[in-house]
Amino acid sequence: MGMQVTKDIVPSFEIVEDKIKDMDGAVIIFRIFYIPEKLTYSFQLLRNNRICMFEITRQLLDDLKNRRPSADDELTNILNTHLKDSGCWSKS
């Protein structure tokens, strides 16, 4: 799974958090894990006692921080895919 990290370590955390809140105000970021072998962050979201997990690469988070134009679109696509997928939301 990786090691659990705090939000202050995650690049562009505020951007991801704001985008999630804009898409679904009932969702909160529950936990974040860093997976060094894959250079990704695994986000666990919580909504109505259900958990959804997905990964975002370190590169994408750095690109968001550096304001690369296509990075915001890529993040939106990832979030749309997972937030709207009922299969992602398992009972906690």
N, C-alpha and C. Protein backbone atom coordinates (compact mmCIF):
# COMPACT_ATOMS: atom_id res chain seq x y z
N MET A 1 0.83 -1.19 0.00
CA MET A 1 0.00 0.00 0.00
C MET A 1 0.87 1.25 0.00
N GLY A 2 1.99 1.25 0.65
CA GLY A 2 2.81 2.44 0.75
C GLY A 2 2.73 3.03 2.15
N MET A 3 3.40 4.14 2.35
CA MET A 3 3.39 4.77 3.66
C MET A 3 2.40 5.93 3.68
N GLN A 4 1.68 6.03 4.78
CA GLN A 4 0.71 7.11 4.92
C GLN A 4 1.47 8.43 5.08
N VAL A 5 0.97 9.47 4.39
CA VAL A 5 1.60 10.78 4.45
C VAL A 5 0.56 11.83 4.81
N THR A 6 1.04 12.98 5.22
CA THR A 6 0.15 14.09 5.55
C THR A 6 0.00 15.00 4.32
N LYS A 7 -1.04 15.78 4.32
CA LYS A 7 -1.35 16.62 3.16
C LYS A 7 -0.27 17.64 2.85
N ASP A 8 0.49 18.07 3.86
CA ASP A 8 1.52 19.07 3.60
C ASP A 8 2.70 18.52 2.79
N ILE A 9 2.80 17.20 2.66
CA ILE A 9 3.87 16.58 1.88
C ILE A 9 3.45 16.39 0.43
N VAL A 10 2.15 16.35 0.17
CA VAL A 10 1.63 16.06 -1.17
C VAL A 10 1.67 17.32 -2.04
N PRO A 11 2.40 17.26 -3.17
CA PRO A 11 2.42 18.42 -4.06
C PRO A 11 1.01 18.72 -4.58
N SER A 12 0.64 19.95 -4.61
CA SER A 12 -0.65 20.40 -5.16
C SER A 12 -1.85 19.83 -4.42
N PHE A 13 -1.70 19.51 -3.16
CA PHE A 13 -2.82 18.94 -2.40
C PHE A 13 -4.05 19.83 -2.45
N GLU A 14 -3.84 21.13 -2.27
CA GLU A 14 -4.97 22.07 -2.24
C GLU A 14 -5.72 22.07 -3.57
N ILE A 15 -5.00 21.95 -4.67
CA ILE A 15 -5.65 21.92 -5.98
C ILE A 15 -6.53 20.68 -6.10
N VAL A 16 -6.00 19.53 -5.68
CA VAL A 16 -6.78 18.28 -5.74
C VAL A 16 -7.99 18.38 -4.81
N GLU A 17 -7.78 18.85 -3.60
CA GLU A 17 -8.86 18.96 -2.63
C GLU A 17 -9.97 19.89 -3.14
N ASP A 18 -9.59 21.05 -3.68
CA ASP A 18 -10.58 21.99 -4.20
C ASP A 18 -11.36 21.41 -5.37
N LYS A 19 -10.66 20.69 -6.25
CA LYS A 19 -11.32 20.08 -7.41
C LYS A 19 -12.33 19.02 -6.95
N ILE A 20 -11.96 18.23 -5.95
CA ILE A 20 -12.88 17.20 -5.42
C ILE A 20 -14.10 17.87 -4.80
N LYS A 21 -13.89 18.91 -4.02
CA LYS A 21 -15.02 19.62 -3.39
C LYS A 21 -15.94 20.24 -4.43
N ASP A 22 -15.36 20.77 -5.52
CA ASP A 22 -16.18 21.35 -6.59
C ASP A 22 -17.04 20.28 -7.27
N MET A 23 -16.50 19.08 -7.40
CA MET A 23 -17.21 18.01 -8.10
C MET A 23 -18.25 17.34 -7.22
N ASP A 24 -17.93 17.19 -5.93
CA ASP A 24 -18.85 16.52 -5.00
C ASP A 24 -18.52 16.99 -3.58
N GLY A 25 -19.31 17.90 -3.07
CA GLY A 25 -19.06 18.48 -1.76
C GLY A 25 -19.18 17.51 -0.60
N ALA A 26 -19.75 16.33 -0.84
CA ALA A 26 -19.91 15.34 0.23
C ALA A 26 -18.67 14.45 0.39
N VAL A 27 -17.70 14.59 -0.49
CA VAL A 27 -16.51 13.74 -0.46
C VAL A 27 -15.40 14.43 0.32
N ILE A 28 -14.74 13.67 1.18
CA ILE A 28 -13.55 14.19 1.87
C ILE A 28 -12.37 13.26 1.59
N ILE A 29 -11.19 13.85 1.61
CA ILE A 29 -9.97 13.05 1.48
C ILE A 29 -9.70 12.46 2.85
N PHE A 30 -9.77 11.14 2.94
CA PHE A 30 -9.66 10.43 4.21
C PHE A 30 -8.19 10.15 4.56
N ARG A 31 -7.47 9.54 3.62
CA ARG A 31 -6.05 9.22 3.84
C ARG A 31 -5.31 9.31 2.51
N ILE A 32 -3.99 9.51 2.63
CA ILE A 32 -3.13 9.54 1.46
C ILE A 32 -1.91 8.68 1.76
N PHE A 33 -1.55 7.86 0.78
CA PHE A 33 -0.37 7.02 0.90
C PHE A 33 0.57 7.35 -0.25
N TYR A 34 1.87 7.31 0.03
CA TYR A 34 2.86 7.48 -1.02
C TYR A 34 3.43 6.11 -1.34
N ILE A 35 3.47 5.78 -2.63
CA ILE A 35 3.99 4.50 -3.09
C ILE A 35 5.27 4.78 -3.87
N PRO A 36 6.44 4.71 -3.20
CA PRO A 36 7.68 5.13 -3.83
C PRO A 36 8.07 4.33 -5.06
N GLU A 37 7.77 3.02 -5.08
CA GLU A 37 8.17 2.22 -6.24
C GLU A 37 7.43 2.63 -7.51
N LYS A 38 6.27 3.23 -7.36
CA LYS A 38 5.47 3.66 -8.50
C LYS A 38 5.47 5.19 -8.67
N LEU A 39 6.08 5.91 -7.72
CA LEU A 39 6.08 7.37 -7.72
C LEU A 39 4.66 7.92 -7.84
N THR A 40 3.76 7.34 -7.03
CA THR A 40 2.37 7.78 -7.03
C THR A 40 1.87 8.01 -5.61
N TYR A 41 0.80 8.78 -5.54
CA TYR A 41 0.08 8.97 -4.29
C TYR A 41 -1.27 8.28 -4.44
N SER A 42 -1.61 7.49 -3.46
CA SER A 42 -2.91 6.81 -3.44
C SER A 42 -3.83 7.58 -2.50
N PHE A 43 -4.92 8.05 -3.05
CA PHE A 43 -5.88 8.83 -2.28
C PHE A 43 -7.05 7.94 -1.88
N GLN A 44 -7.44 8.00 -0.62
CA GLN A 44 -8.65 7.33 -0.14
C GLN A 44 -9.67 8.42 0.17
N LEU A 45 -10.78 8.35 -0.54
CA LEU A 45 -11.85 9.32 -0.34
C LEU A 45 -12.97 8.67 0.43
N LEU A 46 -13.69 9.46 1.19
CA LEU A 46 -14.79 8.97 2.01
C LEU A 46 -16.05 9.75 1.67
N ARG A 47 -17.14 9.00 1.43
CA ARG A 47 -18.45 9.61 1.18
C ARG A 47 -19.52 8.63 1.67
N ASN A 48 -20.34 9.08 2.61
CA ASN A 48 -21.45 8.26 3.12
C ASN A 48 -21.01 6.86 3.52
N ASN A 49 -19.97 6.77 4.33
CA ASN A 49 -19.45 5.49 4.83
C ASN A 49 -18.96 4.57 3.72
N ARG A 50 -18.57 5.12 2.61
CA ARG A 50 -17.99 4.35 1.51
C ARG A 50 -16.64 4.96 1.16
N ILE A 51 -15.72 4.09 0.76
CA ILE A 51 -14.37 4.51 0.43
C ILE A 51 -14.09 4.26 -1.05
N CYS A 52 -13.45 5.23 -1.67
CA CYS A 52 -12.98 5.10 -3.05
C CYS A 52 -11.48 5.38 -3.04
N MET A 53 -10.72 4.54 -3.71
CA MET A 53 -9.26 4.71 -3.78
C MET A 53 -8.83 4.85 -5.22
N PHE A 54 -7.88 5.74 -5.45
CA PHE A 54 -7.27 5.88 -6.76
C PHE A 54 -5.90 6.51 -6.61
N GLU A 55 -5.11 6.45 -7.66
CA GLU A 55 -3.75 6.96 -7.61
C GLU A 55 -3.57 8.13 -8.56
N ILE A 56 -2.70 9.05 -8.14
CA ILE A 56 -2.28 10.17 -8.97
C ILE A 56 -0.76 10.17 -8.95
N THR A 57 -0.16 10.28 -10.12
CA THR A 57 1.30 10.25 -10.19
C THR A 57 1.91 11.51 -9.59
N ARG A 58 3.09 11.35 -9.10
CA ARG A 58 3.86 12.49 -8.58
C ARG A 58 4.07 13.51 -9.70
N GLN A 59 4.31 13.02 -10.90
CA GLN A 59 4.54 13.91 -12.03
C GLN A 59 3.34 14.81 -12.30
N LEU A 60 2.13 14.24 -12.27
CA LEU A 60 0.94 15.05 -12.49
C LEU A 60 0.78 16.09 -11.39
N LEU A 61 1.02 15.71 -10.15
CA LEU A 61 0.92 16.67 -9.05
C LEU A 61 1.94 17.79 -9.19
N ASP A 62 3.15 17.46 -9.63
CA ASP A 62 4.17 18.48 -9.87
C ASP A 62 3.75 19.38 -11.03
N ASP A 63 3.18 18.78 -12.08
CA ASP A 63 2.71 19.57 -13.23
C ASP A 63 1.59 20.53 -12.82
N LEU A 64 0.72 20.10 -11.93
CA LEU A 64 -0.33 21.00 -11.42
C LEU A 64 0.28 22.17 -10.68
N LYS A 65 1.28 21.87 -9.86
CA LYS A 65 1.96 22.91 -9.09
C LYS A 65 2.64 23.92 -10.03
N ASN A 66 3.18 23.41 -11.13
CA ASN A 66 3.88 24.26 -12.10
C ASN A 66 2.94 24.84 -13.16
N ARG A 67 1.65 24.58 -12.98
CA ARG A 67 0.61 25.14 -13.85
C ARG A 67 0.73 24.72 -15.32
N ARG A 68 1.11 23.46 -15.55
CA ARG A 68 1.12 22.95 -16.93
C ARG A 68 -0.33 22.90 -17.41
N PRO A 69 -0.64 23.48 -18.55
CA PRO A 69 -2.02 23.64 -19.00
C PRO A 69 -2.85 22.35 -19.06
N SER A 70 -2.29 21.27 -19.53
CA SER A 70 -3.10 20.04 -19.67
C SER A 70 -3.23 19.27 -18.35
N ALA A 71 -2.48 19.65 -17.33
CA ALA A 71 -2.52 18.92 -16.06
C ALA A 71 -3.88 19.01 -15.39
N ASP A 72 -4.50 20.18 -15.44
CA ASP A 72 -5.82 20.35 -14.82
C ASP A 72 -6.86 19.47 -15.51
N ASP A 73 -6.79 19.40 -16.83
CA ASP A 73 -7.71 18.53 -17.58
C ASP A 73 -7.50 17.06 -17.23
N GLU A 74 -6.24 16.68 -17.10
CA GLU A 74 -5.92 15.30 -16.75
C GLU A 74 -6.45 14.95 -15.35
N LEU A 75 -6.28 15.86 -14.40
CA LEU A 75 -6.81 15.64 -13.05
C LEU A 75 -8.33 15.53 -13.09
N THR A 76 -8.98 16.40 -13.83
CA THR A 76 -10.44 16.35 -13.95
C THR A 76 -10.90 15.00 -14.50
N ASN A 77 -10.22 14.50 -15.51
CA ASN A 77 -10.57 13.19 -16.08
C ASN A 77 -10.41 12.07 -15.06
N ILE A 78 -9.32 12.09 -14.30
CA ILE A 78 -9.10 11.06 -13.28
C ILE A 78 -10.20 11.12 -12.23
N LEU A 79 -10.51 12.31 -11.75
CA LEU A 79 -11.53 12.44 -10.71
C LEU A 79 -12.91 12.07 -11.24
N ASN A 80 -13.24 12.49 -12.45
CA ASN A 80 -14.53 12.12 -13.04
C ASN A 80 -14.67 10.61 -13.13
N THR A 81 -13.62 9.96 -13.57
CA THR A 81 -13.64 8.50 -13.71
C THR A 81 -13.94 7.82 -12.38
N HIS A 82 -13.30 8.27 -11.33
CA HIS A 82 -13.43 7.58 -10.04
C HIS A 82 -14.62 8.05 -9.22
N LEU A 83 -14.88 9.33 -9.18
CA LEU A 83 -15.98 9.83 -8.35
C LEU A 83 -17.34 9.36 -8.86
N LYS A 84 -17.46 9.18 -10.15
CA LYS A 84 -18.74 8.78 -10.74
C LYS A 84 -18.89 7.27 -10.91
N ASP A 85 -17.82 6.52 -10.62
CA ASP A 85 -17.85 5.07 -10.77
C ASP A 85 -18.36 4.42 -9.49
N SER A 86 -19.56 3.85 -9.55
CA SER A 86 -20.14 3.23 -8.35
C SER A 86 -19.28 2.04 -7.89
N GLY A 87 -18.54 1.42 -8.80
CA GLY A 87 -17.67 0.31 -8.43
C GLY A 87 -16.49 0.74 -7.58
N CYS A 88 -16.14 2.00 -7.64
CA CYS A 88 -15.02 2.51 -6.85
C CYS A 88 -15.41 2.63 -5.38
N TRP A 89 -16.67 2.88 -5.11
CA TRP A 89 -17.13 3.18 -3.75
C TRP A 89 -17.52 1.89 -3.02
N SER A 90 -16.59 1.37 -2.22
CA SER A 90 -16.86 0.16 -1.44
C SER A 90 -17.28 0.54 -0.02
N LYS A 91 -18.06 -0.33 0.60
CA LYS A 91 -18.50 -0.12 1.97
C LYS A 91 -17.31 -0.14 2.90
N SER A 92 -17.20 0.85 3.79
CA SER A 92 -16.06 0.88 4.73
C SER A 92 -16.38 0.15 6.00
